[in-house]
């Protein structure tokens, strides 16, 4: 089973990486086309666990600690067989 985990900054938390990317895009031929941009981390983890409920619990645990800093980041994940 594969866990796909996306982590990003919570609303209101400064995101200098996203701001830098936004500025680069604005300075390119795509300027004026972006409403919102956020930067984040993406993980794809092949789990040893075959049981979906256990894999979900493991992924939830990994996502909230140690992968995400839950005071400033939020996360979402999906499991793929």
PDB file of N, CA and C in Angstrom:
ATOM      1  N   UNK A   1       0.845  -1.168   0.000  1.00  0.00           N
ATOM      2  CA  UNK A   1       0.000   0.000   0.000  1.00  0.00           C
ATOM      3  C   UNK A   1       0.892   1.233   0.000  1.00  0.00           C
ATOM      4  N   UNK A   2       0.476   2.247  -0.734  1.00  0.00           N
ATOM      5  CA  UNK A   2       1.254   3.481  -0.834  1.00  0.00           C
ATOM      6  C   UNK A   2       0.485   4.617  -0.174  1.00  0.00           C
ATOM      7  N   UNK A   3       1.181   5.364   0.661  1.00  0.00           N
ATOM      8  CA  UNK A   3       0.614   6.564   1.294  1.00  0.00           C
ATOM      9  C   UNK A   3       1.159   7.777   0.555  1.00  0.00           C
ATOM     10  N   UNK A   4       0.256   8.609   0.061  1.00  0.00           N
ATOM     11  CA  UNK A   4       0.633   9.878  -0.571  1.00  0.00           C
ATOM     12  C   UNK A   4       0.250  10.987   0.398  1.00  0.00           C
ATOM     13  N   UNK A   5       1.259  11.709   0.883  1.00  0.00           N
ATOM     14  CA  UNK A   5       1.060  12.704   1.934  1.00  0.00           C
ATOM     15  C   UNK A   5       1.466  14.081   1.411  1.00  0.00           C
ATOM     16  N   UNK A   6       0.569  15.051   1.556  1.00  0.00           N
ATOM     17  CA  UNK A   6       0.841  16.440   1.190  1.00  0.00           C
ATOM     18  C   UNK A   6       0.796  17.299   2.448  1.00  0.00           C
ATOM     19  N   UNK A   7       1.820  18.111   2.632  1.00  0.00           N
ATOM     20  CA  UNK A   7       1.926  18.967   3.808  1.00  0.00           C
ATOM     21  C   UNK A   7       2.128  20.401   3.339  1.00  0.00           C
ATOM     22  N   UNK A   8       1.392  21.316   3.949  1.00  0.00           N
ATOM     23  CA  UNK A   8       1.519  22.730   3.603  1.00  0.00           C
ATOM     24  C   UNK A   8       1.303  23.612   4.816  1.00  0.00           C
ATOM     25  N   UNK A   9       1.612  24.885   4.664  1.00  0.00           N
ATOM     26  CA  UNK A   9       1.436  25.841   5.756  1.00  0.00           C
ATOM     27  C   UNK A   9      -0.050  26.054   6.034  1.00  0.00           C
ATOM     28  N   UNK A  10      -0.388  26.260   7.294  1.00  0.00           N
ATOM     29  CA  UNK A  10      -1.753  26.609   7.669  1.00  0.00           C
ATOM     30  C   UNK A  10      -2.036  28.042   7.231  1.00  0.00           C
ATOM     31  N   UNK A  11      -3.309  28.352   7.056  1.00  0.00           N
ATOM     32  CA  UNK A  11      -3.710  29.706   6.678  1.00  0.00           C
ATOM     33  C   UNK A  11      -3.177  30.702   7.697  1.00  0.00           C
ATOM     34  N   UNK A  12      -2.652  31.795   7.197  1.00  0.00           N
ATOM     35  CA  UNK A  12      -2.139  32.843   8.072  1.00  0.00           C
ATOM     36  C   UNK A  12      -0.683  32.686   8.474  1.00  0.00           C
ATOM     37  N   UNK A  13      -0.084  31.542   8.158  1.00  0.00           N
ATOM     38  CA  UNK A  13       1.330  31.321   8.481  1.00  0.00           C
ATOM     39  C   UNK A  13       2.164  31.812   7.304  1.00  0.00           C
ATOM     40  N   UNK A  14       3.153  32.674   7.546  1.00  0.00           N
ATOM     41  CA  UNK A  14       3.988  33.159   6.446  1.00  0.00           C
ATOM     42  C   UNK A  14       4.621  32.002   5.671  1.00  0.00           C
ATOM     43  N   UNK A  15       4.664  32.161   4.353  1.00  0.00           N
ATOM     44  CA  UNK A  15       5.191  31.112   3.477  1.00  0.00           C
ATOM     45  C   UNK A  15       6.187  31.753   2.507  1.00  0.00           C
ATOM     46  N   UNK A  16       7.423  32.031   2.970  1.00  0.00           N
ATOM     47  CA  UNK A  16       8.394  32.730   2.122  1.00  0.00           C
ATOM     48  C   UNK A  16       8.738  31.979   0.838  1.00  0.00           C
ATOM     49  N   UNK A  17       8.739  30.660   0.876  1.00  0.00           N
ATOM     50  CA  UNK A  17       9.042  29.876  -0.325  1.00  0.00           C
ATOM     51  C   UNK A  17       7.964  30.098  -1.385  1.00  0.00           C
ATOM     52  N   UNK A  18       6.711  30.078  -0.967  1.00  0.00           N
ATOM     53  CA  UNK A  18       5.606  30.317  -1.900  1.00  0.00           C
ATOM     54  C   UNK A  18       5.648  31.742  -2.425  1.00  0.00           C
ATOM     55  N   UNK A  19       5.969  32.687  -1.571  1.00  0.00           N
ATOM     56  CA  UNK A  19       6.045  34.088  -2.002  1.00  0.00           C
ATOM     57  C   UNK A  19       7.128  34.281  -3.049  1.00  0.00           C
ATOM     58  N   UNK A  20       8.267  33.631  -2.855  1.00  0.00           N
ATOM     59  CA  UNK A  20       9.358  33.714  -3.837  1.00  0.00           C
ATOM     60  C   UNK A  20       8.905  33.116  -5.172  1.00  0.00           C
ATOM     61  N   UNK A  21       8.234  31.972  -5.115  1.00  0.00           N
ATOM     62  CA  UNK A  21       7.728  31.341  -6.344  1.00  0.00           C
ATOM     63  C   UNK A  21       6.687  32.222  -7.019  1.00  0.00           C
ATOM     64  N   UNK A  22       5.801  32.827  -6.219  1.00  0.00           N
ATOM     65  CA  UNK A  22       4.782  33.715  -6.777  1.00  0.00           C
ATOM     66  C   UNK A  22       5.432  34.879  -7.511  1.00  0.00           C
ATOM     67  N   UNK A  23       6.455  35.457  -6.895  1.00  0.00           N
ATOM     68  CA  UNK A  23       7.138  36.589  -7.520  1.00  0.00           C
ATOM     69  C   UNK A  23       7.810  36.178  -8.823  1.00  0.00           C
ATOM     70  N   UNK A  24       8.419  35.004  -8.848  1.00  0.00           N
ATOM     71  CA  UNK A  24       9.064  34.521 -10.073  1.00  0.00           C
ATOM     72  C   UNK A  24       8.034  34.322 -11.183  1.00  0.00           C
ATOM     73  N   UNK A  25       6.881  33.791 -10.829  1.00  0.00           N
ATOM     74  CA  UNK A  25       5.827  33.588 -11.832  1.00  0.00           C
ATOM     75  C   UNK A  25       5.281  34.934 -12.296  1.00  0.00           C
ATOM     76  N   UNK A  26       5.073  35.853 -11.354  1.00  0.00           N
ATOM     77  CA  UNK A  26       4.575  37.184 -11.715  1.00  0.00           C
ATOM     78  C   UNK A  26       5.538  37.896 -12.657  1.00  0.00           C
ATOM     79  N   UNK A  27       6.840  37.672 -12.466  1.00  0.00           N
ATOM     80  CA  UNK A  27       7.848  38.308 -13.313  1.00  0.00           C
ATOM     81  C   UNK A  27       7.980  37.628 -14.674  1.00  0.00           C
ATOM     82  N   UNK A  28       7.361  36.486 -14.841  1.00  0.00           N
ATOM     83  CA  UNK A  28       7.440  35.759 -16.111  1.00  0.00           C
ATOM     84  C   UNK A  28       6.257  36.144 -16.993  1.00  0.00           C
ATOM     85  N   UNK A  29       6.112  35.444 -18.087  1.00  0.00           N
ATOM     86  CA  UNK A  29       4.998  35.704 -19.011  1.00  0.00           C
ATOM     87  C   UNK A  29       3.652  35.277 -18.429  1.00  0.00           C
ATOM     88  N   UNK A  30       3.657  34.667 -17.252  1.00  0.00           N
ATOM     89  CA  UNK A  30       2.421  34.224 -16.622  1.00  0.00           C
ATOM     90  C   UNK A  30       1.927  35.198 -15.553  1.00  0.00           C
ATOM     91  N   UNK A  31       2.520  36.371 -15.484  1.00  0.00           N
ATOM     92  CA  UNK A  31       2.133  37.373 -14.501  1.00  0.00           C
ATOM     93  C   UNK A  31       0.647  37.696 -14.568  1.00  0.00           C
ATOM     94  N   UNK A  32       0.062  37.924 -13.397  1.00  0.00           N
ATOM     95  CA  UNK A  32      -1.343  38.283 -13.312  1.00  0.00           C
ATOM     96  C   UNK A  32      -2.298  37.111 -13.386  1.00  0.00           C
ATOM     97  N   UNK A  33      -1.779  35.894 -13.438  1.00  0.00           N
ATOM     98  CA  UNK A  33      -2.634  34.725 -13.591  1.00  0.00           C
ATOM     99  C   UNK A  33      -2.796  33.908 -12.310  1.00  0.00           C
ATOM    100  N   UNK A  34      -2.184  34.341 -11.230  1.00  0.00           N
ATOM    101  CA  UNK A  34      -2.215  33.563  -9.988  1.00  0.00           C
ATOM    102  C   UNK A  34      -3.037  34.280  -8.933  1.00  0.00           C
ATOM    103  N   UNK A  35      -3.977  33.566  -8.339  1.00  0.00           N
ATOM    104  CA  UNK A  35      -4.743  34.107  -7.216  1.00  0.00           C
ATOM    105  C   UNK A  35      -4.088  33.732  -5.889  1.00  0.00           C
ATOM    106  N   UNK A  36      -3.622  32.504  -5.797  1.00  0.00           N
ATOM    107  CA  UNK A  36      -3.047  32.007  -4.549  1.00  0.00           C
ATOM    108  C   UNK A  36      -2.028  30.931  -4.878  1.00  0.00           C
ATOM    109  N   UNK A  37      -0.947  30.924  -4.134  1.00  0.00           N
ATOM    110  CA  UNK A  37       0.068  29.876  -4.296  1.00  0.00           C
ATOM    111  C   UNK A  37       0.555  29.492  -2.903  1.00  0.00           C
ATOM    112  N   UNK A  38       0.797  28.219  -2.724  1.00  0.00           N
ATOM    113  CA  UNK A  38       1.381  27.754  -1.470  1.00  0.00           C
ATOM    114  C   UNK A  38       2.415  26.687  -1.796  1.00  0.00           C
ATOM    115  N   UNK A  39       3.445  26.646  -1.001  1.00  0.00           N
ATOM    116  CA  UNK A  39       4.490  25.644  -1.166  1.00  0.00           C
ATOM    117  C   UNK A  39       4.300  24.587  -0.098  1.00  0.00           C
ATOM    118  N   UNK A  40       4.788  23.416  -0.373  1.00  0.00           N
ATOM    119  CA  UNK A  40       4.637  22.355   0.610  1.00  0.00           C
ATOM    120  C   UNK A  40       5.593  21.214   0.353  1.00  0.00           C
ATOM    121  N   UNK A  41       5.317  20.125   1.036  1.00  0.00           N
ATOM    122  CA  UNK A  41       6.124  18.914   0.908  1.00  0.00           C
ATOM    123  C   UNK A  41       5.199  17.784   0.455  1.00  0.00           C
ATOM    124  N   UNK A  42       5.752  16.889  -0.336  1.00  0.00           N
ATOM    125  CA  UNK A  42       5.001  15.730  -0.811  1.00  0.00           C
ATOM    126  C   UNK A  42       5.830  14.487  -0.544  1.00  0.00           C
ATOM    127  N   UNK A  43       5.200  13.500   0.048  1.00  0.00           N
ATOM    128  CA  UNK A  43       5.865  12.230   0.331  1.00  0.00           C
ATOM    129  C   UNK A  43       5.036  11.106  -0.264  1.00  0.00           C
ATOM    130  N   UNK A  44       5.710  10.138  -0.828  1.00  0.00           N
ATOM    131  CA  UNK A  44       5.058   8.917  -1.284  1.00  0.00           C
ATOM    132  C   UNK A  44       5.793   7.779  -0.587  1.00  0.00           C
ATOM    133  N   UNK A  45       5.080   7.089   0.293  1.00  0.00           N
ATOM    134  CA  UNK A  45       5.705   6.086   1.153  1.00  0.00           C
ATOM    135  C   UNK A  45       5.057   4.735   0.903  1.00  0.00           C
ATOM    136  N   UNK A  46       5.873   3.743   0.572  1.00  0.00           N
ATOM    137  CA  UNK A  46       5.367   2.381   0.409  1.00  0.00           C
ATOM    138  C   UNK A  46       5.346   1.740   1.791  1.00  0.00           C
ATOM    139  N   UNK A  47       4.138   1.423   2.233  1.00  0.00           N
ATOM    140  CA  UNK A  47       3.955   0.855   3.569  1.00  0.00           C
ATOM    141  C   UNK A  47       4.039  -0.668   3.534  1.00  0.00           C
ATOM    142  N   UNK A  48       4.579  -1.236   4.586  1.00  0.00           N
ATOM    143  CA  UNK A  48       4.626  -2.696   4.717  1.00  0.00           C
ATOM    144  C   UNK A  48       3.254  -3.238   5.109  1.00  0.00           C
ATOM    145  N   UNK A  49       2.463  -2.413   5.790  1.00  0.00           N
ATOM    146  CA  UNK A  49       1.148  -2.823   6.292  1.00  0.00           C
ATOM    147  C   UNK A  49       0.166  -3.011   5.134  1.00  0.00           C
ATOM    148  N   UNK A  50      -0.513  -4.142   5.104  1.00  0.00           N
ATOM    149  CA  UNK A  50      -1.490  -4.435   4.060  1.00  0.00           C
ATOM    150  C   UNK A  50      -2.926  -4.139   4.453  1.00  0.00           C
ATOM    151  N   UNK A  51      -3.192  -4.088   5.759  1.00  0.00           N
ATOM    152  CA  UNK A  51      -4.539  -3.804   6.240  1.00  0.00           C
ATOM    153  C   UNK A  51      -4.811  -2.296   6.118  1.00  0.00           C
ATOM    154  N   UNK A  52      -5.888  -1.935   5.432  1.00  0.00           N
ATOM    155  CA  UNK A  52      -6.158  -0.524   5.155  1.00  0.00           C
ATOM    156  C   UNK A  52      -6.367   0.305   6.429  1.00  0.00           C
ATOM    157  N   UNK A  53      -7.091  -0.220   7.392  1.00  0.00           N
ATOM    158  CA  UNK A  53      -7.326   0.530   8.628  1.00  0.00           C
ATOM    159  C   UNK A  53      -6.029   0.771   9.400  1.00  0.00           C
ATOM    160  N   UNK A  54      -5.185  -0.239   9.474  1.00  0.00           N
ATOM    161  CA  UNK A  54      -3.903  -0.082  10.160  1.00  0.00           C
ATOM    162  C   UNK A  54      -2.988   0.871   9.389  1.00  0.00           C
ATOM    163  N   UNK A  55      -3.000   0.743   8.057  1.00  0.00           N
ATOM    164  CA  UNK A  55      -2.188   1.635   7.224  1.00  0.00           C
ATOM    165  C   UNK A  55      -2.643   3.085   7.383  1.00  0.00           C
ATOM    166  N   UNK A  56      -3.953   3.283   7.482  1.00  0.00           N
ATOM    167  CA  UNK A  56      -4.488   4.635   7.682  1.00  0.00           C
ATOM    168  C   UNK A  56      -4.010   5.202   9.017  1.00  0.00           C
ATOM    169  N   UNK A  57      -4.069   4.395  10.067  1.00  0.00           N
ATOM    170  CA  UNK A  57      -3.613   4.837  11.388  1.00  0.00           C
ATOM    171  C   UNK A  57      -2.114   5.150  11.373  1.00  0.00           C
ATOM    172  N   UNK A  58      -1.332   4.306  10.725  1.00  0.00           N
ATOM    173  CA  UNK A  58       0.110   4.547  10.630  1.00  0.00           C
ATOM    174  C   UNK A  58       0.401   5.841   9.878  1.00  0.00           C
ATOM    175  N   UNK A  59      -0.304   6.040   8.764  1.00  0.00           N
ATOM    176  CA  UNK A  59      -0.073   7.231   7.951  1.00  0.00           C
ATOM    177  C   UNK A  59      -0.481   8.487   8.707  1.00  0.00           C
ATOM    178  N   UNK A  60      -1.597   8.405   9.419  1.00  0.00           N
ATOM    179  CA  UNK A  60      -2.031   9.535  10.256  1.00  0.00           C
ATOM    180  C   UNK A  60      -0.949   9.876  11.276  1.00  0.00           C
ATOM    181  N   UNK A  61      -0.398   8.861  11.909  1.00  0.00           N
ATOM    182  CA  UNK A  61       0.658   9.078  12.896  1.00  0.00           C
ATOM    183  C   UNK A  61       1.916   9.670  12.298  1.00  0.00           C
ATOM    184  N   UNK A  62       2.343   9.143  11.152  1.00  0.00           N
ATOM    185  CA  UNK A  62       3.539   9.673  10.482  1.00  0.00           C
ATOM    186  C   UNK A  62       3.342  11.108  10.042  1.00  0.00           C
ATOM    187  N   UNK A  63       2.140  11.389   9.538  1.00  0.00           N
ATOM    188  CA  UNK A  63       1.867  12.722   9.002  1.00  0.00           C
ATOM    189  C   UNK A  63       1.896  13.778  10.096  1.00  0.00           C
ATOM    190  N   UNK A  64       1.245  13.476  11.217  1.00  0.00           N
ATOM    191  CA  UNK A  64       1.160  14.478  12.285  1.00  0.00           C
ATOM    192  C   UNK A  64       2.465  14.609  13.056  1.00  0.00           C
ATOM    193  N   UNK A  65       3.241  13.561  13.117  1.00  0.00           N
ATOM    194  CA  UNK A  65       4.536  13.591  13.786  1.00  0.00           C
ATOM    195  C   UNK A  65       5.310  12.366  13.347  1.00  0.00           C
ATOM    196  N   UNK A  66       6.385  12.494  12.644  1.00  0.00           N
ATOM    197  CA  UNK A  66       7.316  13.600  12.580  1.00  0.00           C
ATOM    198  C   UNK A  66       7.257  14.447  11.304  1.00  0.00           C
ATOM    199  N   UNK A  67       6.469  14.078  10.289  1.00  0.00           N
ATOM    200  CA  UNK A  67       6.549  14.773   9.007  1.00  0.00           C
ATOM    201  C   UNK A  67       6.057  16.215   9.053  1.00  0.00           C
ATOM    202  N   UNK A  68       4.910  16.462   9.653  1.00  0.00           N
ATOM    203  CA  UNK A  68       4.355  17.822   9.696  1.00  0.00           C
ATOM    204  C   UNK A  68       4.622  18.477  11.048  1.00  0.00           C
ATOM    205  N   UNK A  69       4.836  19.764  11.002  1.00  0.00           N
ATOM    206  CA  UNK A  69       4.899  20.568  12.234  1.00  0.00           C
ATOM    207  C   UNK A  69       3.485  21.099  12.424  1.00  0.00           C
ATOM    208  N   UNK A  70       2.673  20.365  13.172  1.00  0.00           N
ATOM    209  CA  UNK A  70       1.240  20.622  13.205  1.00  0.00           C
ATOM    210  C   UNK A  70       0.843  21.959  13.818  1.00  0.00           C
ATOM    211  N   UNK A  71       1.764  22.647  14.463  1.00  0.00           N
ATOM    212  CA  UNK A  71       1.423  23.982  14.957  1.00  0.00           C
ATOM    213  C   UNK A  71       1.363  24.989  13.813  1.00  0.00           C
ATOM    214  N   UNK A  72       2.122  24.746  12.723  1.00  0.00           N
ATOM    215  CA  UNK A  72       2.121  25.679  11.595  1.00  0.00           C
ATOM    216  C   UNK A  72       1.767  25.027  10.259  1.00  0.00           C
ATOM    217  N   UNK A  73       1.662  23.702  10.225  1.00  0.00           N
ATOM    218  CA  UNK A  73       1.385  22.998   8.971  1.00  0.00           C
ATOM    219  C   UNK A  73       0.147  22.117   9.094  1.00  0.00           C
ATOM    220  N   UNK A  74      -0.520  21.954   7.979  1.00  0.00           N
ATOM    221  CA  UNK A  74      -1.621  20.998   7.906  1.00  0.00           C
ATOM    222  C   UNK A  74      -1.216  19.920   6.900  1.00  0.00           C
ATOM    223  N   UNK A  75      -1.927  18.819   6.931  1.00  0.00           N
ATOM    224  CA  UNK A  75      -1.589  17.731   6.022  1.00  0.00           C
ATOM    225  C   UNK A  75      -2.857  17.029   5.563  1.00  0.00           C
ATOM    226  N   UNK A  76      -2.712  16.333   4.453  1.00  0.00           N
ATOM    227  CA  UNK A  76      -3.758  15.445   3.958  1.00  0.00           C
ATOM    228  C   UNK A  76      -3.051  14.267   3.316  1.00  0.00           C
ATOM    229  N   UNK A  77      -3.754  13.143   3.266  1.00  0.00           N
ATOM    230  CA  UNK A  77      -3.127  11.976   2.652  1.00  0.00           C
ATOM    231  C   UNK A  77      -4.186  11.100   2.018  1.00  0.00           C
ATOM    232  N   UNK A  78      -3.706  10.237   1.140  1.00  0.00           N
ATOM    233  CA  UNK A  78      -4.547   9.202   0.557  1.00  0.00           C
ATOM    234  C   UNK A  78      -3.739   7.918   0.523  1.00  0.00           C
ATOM    235  N   UNK A  79      -4.448   6.819   0.607  1.00  0.00           N
ATOM    236  CA  UNK A  79      -3.823   5.497   0.499  1.00  0.00           C
ATOM    237  C   UNK A  79      -4.174   4.917  -0.845  1.00  0.00           C
ATOM    238  N   UNK A  80      -3.193   4.336  -1.499  1.00  0.00           N
ATOM    239  CA  UNK A  80      -3.375   3.729  -2.808  1.00  0.00           C
ATOM    240  C   UNK A  80      -2.923   2.275  -2.716  1.00  0.00           C
ATOM    241  N   UNK A  81      -3.777   1.351  -3.115  1.00  0.00           N
ATOM    242  CA  UNK A  81      -3.385  -0.075  -3.038  1.00  0.00           C
ATOM    243  C   UNK A  81      -2.149  -0.387  -3.877  1.00  0.00           C
TER     244      UNK A  81
END
